[in-house]
């Protein structure tokens, strides 16, 4: 009985902490609203002019809370200063993405990791193409050729590479089919016949390319494109 009276006294109205008002059901905030920032065209997205808003990150006093949530007095936490000290970066920490100045055969990747070829390599260096982002390499059956899809920034492309030339010191790229913006490629690519290559795009078609293995040639062949059914985006609007 004594313990019960003590509990009643400790939780009486004399408690000065602030509880949240009844603002609704907390479960309504369990799933954040979907962002439209990746929907094209971006002009149709309100987030192109106003920031994305997540209701669960609203003011503590204006959003619903479960009854199990503790009360809050509105004060901030008393932060304890860290014992760490900050110094200027040096050595590997200040190296830029690209060839390692201390080891040209090592490439520093954007996330800081190092990549070193186990054999020989060739870095694409076409003057009219960005360094780009090769996303798929497909060997051409029965040959030393390979198809490389590049879907990075700038003009997208499909390169025809003679892998036997990589160690020669000369460019192994024997043909390039370019797809300037707003044309876009995706990763999918397949050799669909003796002279037919199909590559995925963002333009509502599967793009056809004509391949001549003997001549080491690759060109567009729009006459054999495959038109895809109509599609919609995440807002159910017409899209590629």
Protein backbone atom coordinates (compact mmCIF):
# COMPACT_ATOMS: atom_id res chain seq x y z
CA UNK A 1 0.00 0.00 0.00
CA UNK A 2 2.84 2.34 0.85
CA UNK A 3 4.52 1.75 -2.53
CA UNK A 4 1.24 2.54 -4.33
CA UNK A 5 0.90 5.86 -2.51
CA UNK A 6 4.49 6.73 -3.33
CA UNK A 7 3.87 6.03 -7.05
CA UNK A 8 0.79 8.29 -7.03
CA UNK A 9 2.75 11.08 -5.40
CA UNK A 10 5.70 10.89 -7.83
CA UNK A 11 3.42 11.08 -10.89
CA UNK A 12 1.09 13.79 -9.59
CA UNK A 13 0.20 17.04 -11.38
CA UNK A 14 3.23 18.68 -9.82
CA UNK A 15 5.34 17.16 -12.65
CA UNK A 16 6.52 20.15 -14.74
CA UNK A 17 7.45 18.21 -17.88
CA UNK A 18 5.43 18.70 -21.06
CA UNK A 19 3.44 15.98 -22.78
CA UNK A 20 2.58 16.03 -26.47
CA UNK A 21 -0.96 17.08 -27.46
CA UNK A 22 -3.33 14.62 -29.07
CA UNK A 23 -2.26 15.23 -32.69
CA UNK A 24 -3.54 12.01 -34.22
CA UNK A 25 -2.43 8.41 -34.62
CA UNK A 26 1.38 7.85 -34.43
CA UNK A 27 1.07 4.98 -36.89
CA UNK A 28 0.16 7.54 -39.56
CA UNK A 29 3.82 8.64 -39.50
CA UNK A 30 5.27 5.13 -39.74
CA UNK A 31 5.68 5.34 -43.53
CA UNK A 32 7.14 8.59 -44.94
CA UNK A 33 5.42 10.17 -47.95
CA UNK A 34 6.90 9.23 -51.31
CA UNK A 35 9.30 11.72 -52.86
CA UNK A 36 8.79 12.82 -56.45
CA UNK A 37 12.38 14.04 -56.88
CA UNK A 38 13.27 11.17 -59.23
CA UNK A 39 10.16 11.58 -61.38
CA UNK A 40 10.69 12.99 -64.86
CA UNK A 41 10.06 15.68 -65.92
CA UNK A 42 11.27 17.20 -62.65
CA UNK A 43 9.32 20.43 -63.22
CA UNK A 44 6.12 18.55 -62.34
CA UNK A 45 7.53 17.75 -58.88
CA UNK A 46 6.80 20.26 -56.11
CA UNK A 47 10.19 19.44 -54.59
CA UNK A 48 11.90 21.30 -57.42
CA UNK A 49 10.86 24.53 -55.66
CA UNK A 50 10.06 23.47 -52.08
CA UNK A 51 12.00 21.07 -49.85
CA UNK A 52 10.73 17.55 -49.21
CA UNK A 53 8.87 17.41 -45.92
CA UNK A 54 8.74 14.35 -43.66
CA UNK A 55 5.90 14.70 -41.10
CA UNK A 56 7.71 12.44 -38.61
CA UNK A 57 10.48 15.06 -38.39
CA UNK A 58 8.06 17.81 -37.42
CA UNK A 59 8.13 19.75 -34.16
CA UNK A 60 7.96 17.31 -31.24
CA UNK A 61 5.04 19.21 -29.73
CA UNK A 62 2.93 19.07 -32.91
CA UNK A 63 3.21 15.42 -33.97
CA UNK A 64 1.40 12.42 -32.41
CA UNK A 65 3.22 10.24 -29.88
CA UNK A 66 2.53 6.81 -28.49
CA UNK A 67 1.42 6.71 -24.88
CA UNK A 68 4.64 4.88 -24.02
CA UNK A 69 6.79 7.85 -25.09
CA UNK A 70 8.38 9.66 -22.12
CA UNK A 71 7.56 13.27 -21.37
CA UNK A 72 9.95 16.00 -22.44
CA UNK A 73 10.66 19.29 -20.68
CA UNK A 74 11.55 21.10 -23.93
CA UNK A 75 15.20 21.52 -22.98
CA UNK A 76 18.15 20.41 -25.10
CA UNK A 77 20.65 17.78 -24.07
CA UNK A 78 23.72 18.86 -22.15
CA UNK A 79 26.39 17.84 -24.67
CA UNK A 80 29.77 16.78 -23.29
CA UNK A 81 32.71 18.10 -25.36
CA UNK A 82 34.69 15.42 -27.13
CA UNK A 83 38.34 14.79 -26.34
CA UNK A 84 39.12 14.41 -30.04
CA UNK A 85 41.15 17.01 -31.90
CA UNK A 86 40.96 17.88 -35.58
CA UNK A 87 44.00 18.03 -37.84
CA UNK A 88 44.45 18.81 -41.50
CA UNK A 89 44.18 15.77 -43.83
CA UNK A 90 47.33 14.46 -45.47
CA UNK A 91 48.84 11.52 -47.37
CA UNK A 92 46.21 9.17 -48.84
CA UNK A 93 43.36 11.28 -47.41
CA UNK A 94 43.98 14.13 -49.84
CA UNK A 95 44.45 12.09 -53.02
CA UNK A 96 41.87 12.74 -55.72
CA UNK A 97 39.88 10.16 -57.69
CA UNK A 98 41.89 8.74 -60.59
CA UNK A 99 45.41 7.45 -60.96
CA UNK A 100 47.33 7.23 -57.68
CA UNK A 101 50.27 9.67 -58.01
CA UNK A 102 52.42 7.25 -56.00
CA UNK A 103 51.43 4.25 -58.14
CA UNK A 104 50.04 5.05 -61.62
CA UNK A 105 48.86 1.44 -62.02
CA UNK A 106 46.47 1.91 -59.09
CA UNK A 107 43.18 3.76 -59.58
CA UNK A 108 41.53 5.58 -56.69
CA UNK A 109 37.77 5.05 -56.88
CA UNK A 110 35.23 7.74 -55.89
CA UNK A 111 34.50 5.98 -52.59
CA UNK A 112 38.19 5.94 -51.65
CA UNK A 113 38.88 2.30 -52.43
CA UNK A 114 41.86 1.31 -54.59
CA UNK A 115 41.65 -0.79 -57.74
CA UNK A 116 44.66 -2.38 -59.42
CA UNK A 117 44.34 -4.43 -62.57
CA UNK A 118 45.48 -8.04 -62.25
CA UNK A 119 46.60 -8.01 -65.90
CA UNK A 120 46.57 -5.23 -68.48
CA UNK A 121 43.99 -2.48 -68.82
CA UNK A 122 42.91 0.35 -71.09
CA UNK A 123 41.23 3.51 -69.83
CA UNK A 124 38.78 4.84 -72.43
CA UNK A 125 40.07 8.19 -73.64
CA UNK A 126 37.93 9.29 -76.60
CA UNK A 127 38.14 13.09 -76.86
CA UNK A 128 34.42 13.50 -77.59
CA UNK A 129 33.18 11.20 -74.79
CA UNK A 130 33.33 11.65 -71.02
CA UNK A 131 35.23 9.12 -68.96
CA UNK A 132 31.74 7.86 -68.25
CA UNK A 133 30.55 4.77 -66.47
CA UNK A 134 30.86 1.37 -68.20
CA UNK A 135 27.97 -0.63 -66.74
CA UNK A 136 28.06 -3.85 -68.76
CA UNK A 137 30.68 -5.84 -70.69
CA UNK A 138 29.44 -8.58 -73.03
CA UNK A 139 31.86 -10.87 -74.91
CA UNK A 140 30.91 -11.51 -78.54
CA UNK A 141 30.78 -15.31 -78.95
CA UNK A 142 33.45 -16.84 -81.20
CA UNK A 143 35.65 -13.74 -81.25
CA UNK A 144 38.02 -11.59 -79.21
CA UNK A 145 35.50 -8.74 -79.35
CA UNK A 146 33.46 -7.36 -76.46
CA UNK A 147 30.58 -4.91 -76.27
CA UNK A 148 30.77 -2.25 -73.54
CA UNK A 149 27.71 -0.21 -72.53
CA UNK A 150 28.58 3.21 -71.09
CA UNK A 151 25.71 4.94 -69.26
CA UNK A 152 27.52 7.61 -67.25
CA UNK A 153 27.32 11.39 -67.41
CA UNK A 154 27.28 12.98 -70.84
CA UNK A 155 26.83 11.05 -74.07
CA UNK A 156 26.00 7.37 -73.61
CA UNK A 157 27.62 4.83 -75.91
CA UNK A 158 28.16 1.23 -76.92
CA UNK A 159 31.82 0.47 -77.67
CA UNK A 160 33.09 -2.47 -79.67
CA UNK A 161 36.41 -3.47 -78.11
CA UNK A 162 39.05 -5.82 -79.50
CA UNK A 163 40.35 -7.38 -76.28
CA UNK A 164 43.42 -8.74 -78.09
CA UNK A 165 44.62 -5.15 -78.52
CA UNK A 166 44.46 -4.10 -74.87
CA UNK A 167 48.12 -4.97 -74.23
CA UNK A 168 49.33 -3.31 -77.44
CA UNK A 169 49.39 0.21 -76.05
CA UNK A 170 46.95 1.32 -78.76
CA UNK A 171 43.26 1.95 -78.27
CA UNK A 172 41.35 -1.35 -78.46
CA UNK A 173 38.11 0.50 -79.29
CA UNK A 174 37.36 -0.42 -82.91
CA UNK A 175 33.86 1.09 -83.13
CA UNK A 176 31.58 3.34 -81.08
CA UNK A 177 27.85 4.03 -81.38
CA UNK A 178 26.94 7.24 -79.52
CA UNK A 179 23.65 8.23 -77.92
CA UNK A 180 23.72 11.98 -77.12
CA UNK A 181 21.34 13.40 -74.50
CA UNK A 182 18.44 13.16 -74.03
CA UNK A 183 18.91 9.60 -75.32
CA UNK A 184 19.76 7.20 -72.48
CA UNK A 185 20.96 3.61 -72.31
CA UNK A 186 20.50 1.05 -69.56
CA UNK A 187 22.62 -1.98 -68.70
CA UNK A 188 20.85 -4.65 -70.71
CA UNK A 189 22.58 -5.82 -73.91
CA UNK A 190 22.47 -9.07 -75.88
CA UNK A 191 23.86 -10.55 -79.09
CA UNK A 192 20.56 -11.64 -80.67
CA UNK A 193 21.86 -12.99 -84.00
CA UNK A 194 24.88 -13.22 -86.28
CA UNK A 195 24.72 -9.48 -86.99
CA UNK A 196 22.21 -8.19 -84.43
CA UNK A 197 22.85 -6.61 -81.05
CA UNK A 198 20.02 -5.34 -78.84
CA UNK A 199 20.56 -2.79 -76.07
CA UNK A 200 18.10 -1.42 -73.49
CA UNK A 201 17.24 2.29 -73.57
CA UNK A 202 15.14 4.80 -71.65
CA UNK A 203 13.35 5.87 -74.82
CA UNK A 204 10.61 3.24 -75.05
CA UNK A 205 12.49 1.00 -77.47
CA UNK A 206 15.07 -1.76 -77.47
CA UNK A 207 17.77 -0.32 -79.72
CA UNK A 208 19.11 -2.50 -82.53
CA UNK A 209 22.76 -2.36 -83.62
CA UNK A 210 24.27 -4.07 -86.65
CA UNK A 211 27.43 -6.01 -85.84
CA UNK A 212 30.01 -7.14 -88.38
CA UNK A 213 32.45 -9.37 -86.52
CA UNK A 214 34.83 -9.86 -89.47
CA UNK A 215 35.07 -6.13 -90.19
CA UNK A 216 34.98 -5.22 -86.49
CA UNK A 217 32.17 -2.75 -87.18
CA UNK A 218 29.12 -1.66 -85.17
CA UNK A 219 26.42 0.78 -86.36
CA UNK A 220 22.84 1.71 -85.45
CA UNK A 221 20.09 -0.25 -87.17
CA UNK A 222 16.85 1.53 -86.28
CA UNK A 223 14.92 -0.61 -88.78
CA UNK A 224 15.18 -3.54 -86.34
CA UNK A 225 14.33 -1.63 -83.15
CA UNK A 226 11.72 -3.17 -80.86
CA UNK A 227 9.08 -0.70 -79.65
CA UNK A 228 8.01 -1.40 -76.08
CA UNK A 229 4.46 -1.12 -74.68
CA UNK A 230 3.45 2.17 -73.05
CA UNK A 231 4.67 2.62 -69.47
CA UNK A 232 3.89 4.83 -66.47
CA UNK A 233 6.00 6.35 -63.72
CA UNK A 234 5.49 6.22 -59.94
CA UNK A 235 2.68 8.79 -60.17
CA UNK A 236 0.86 6.77 -62.86
CA UNK A 237 1.71 9.37 -65.50
CA UNK A 238 2.92 8.41 -68.98
CA UNK A 239 6.67 7.77 -69.03
CA UNK A 240 9.42 6.02 -70.98
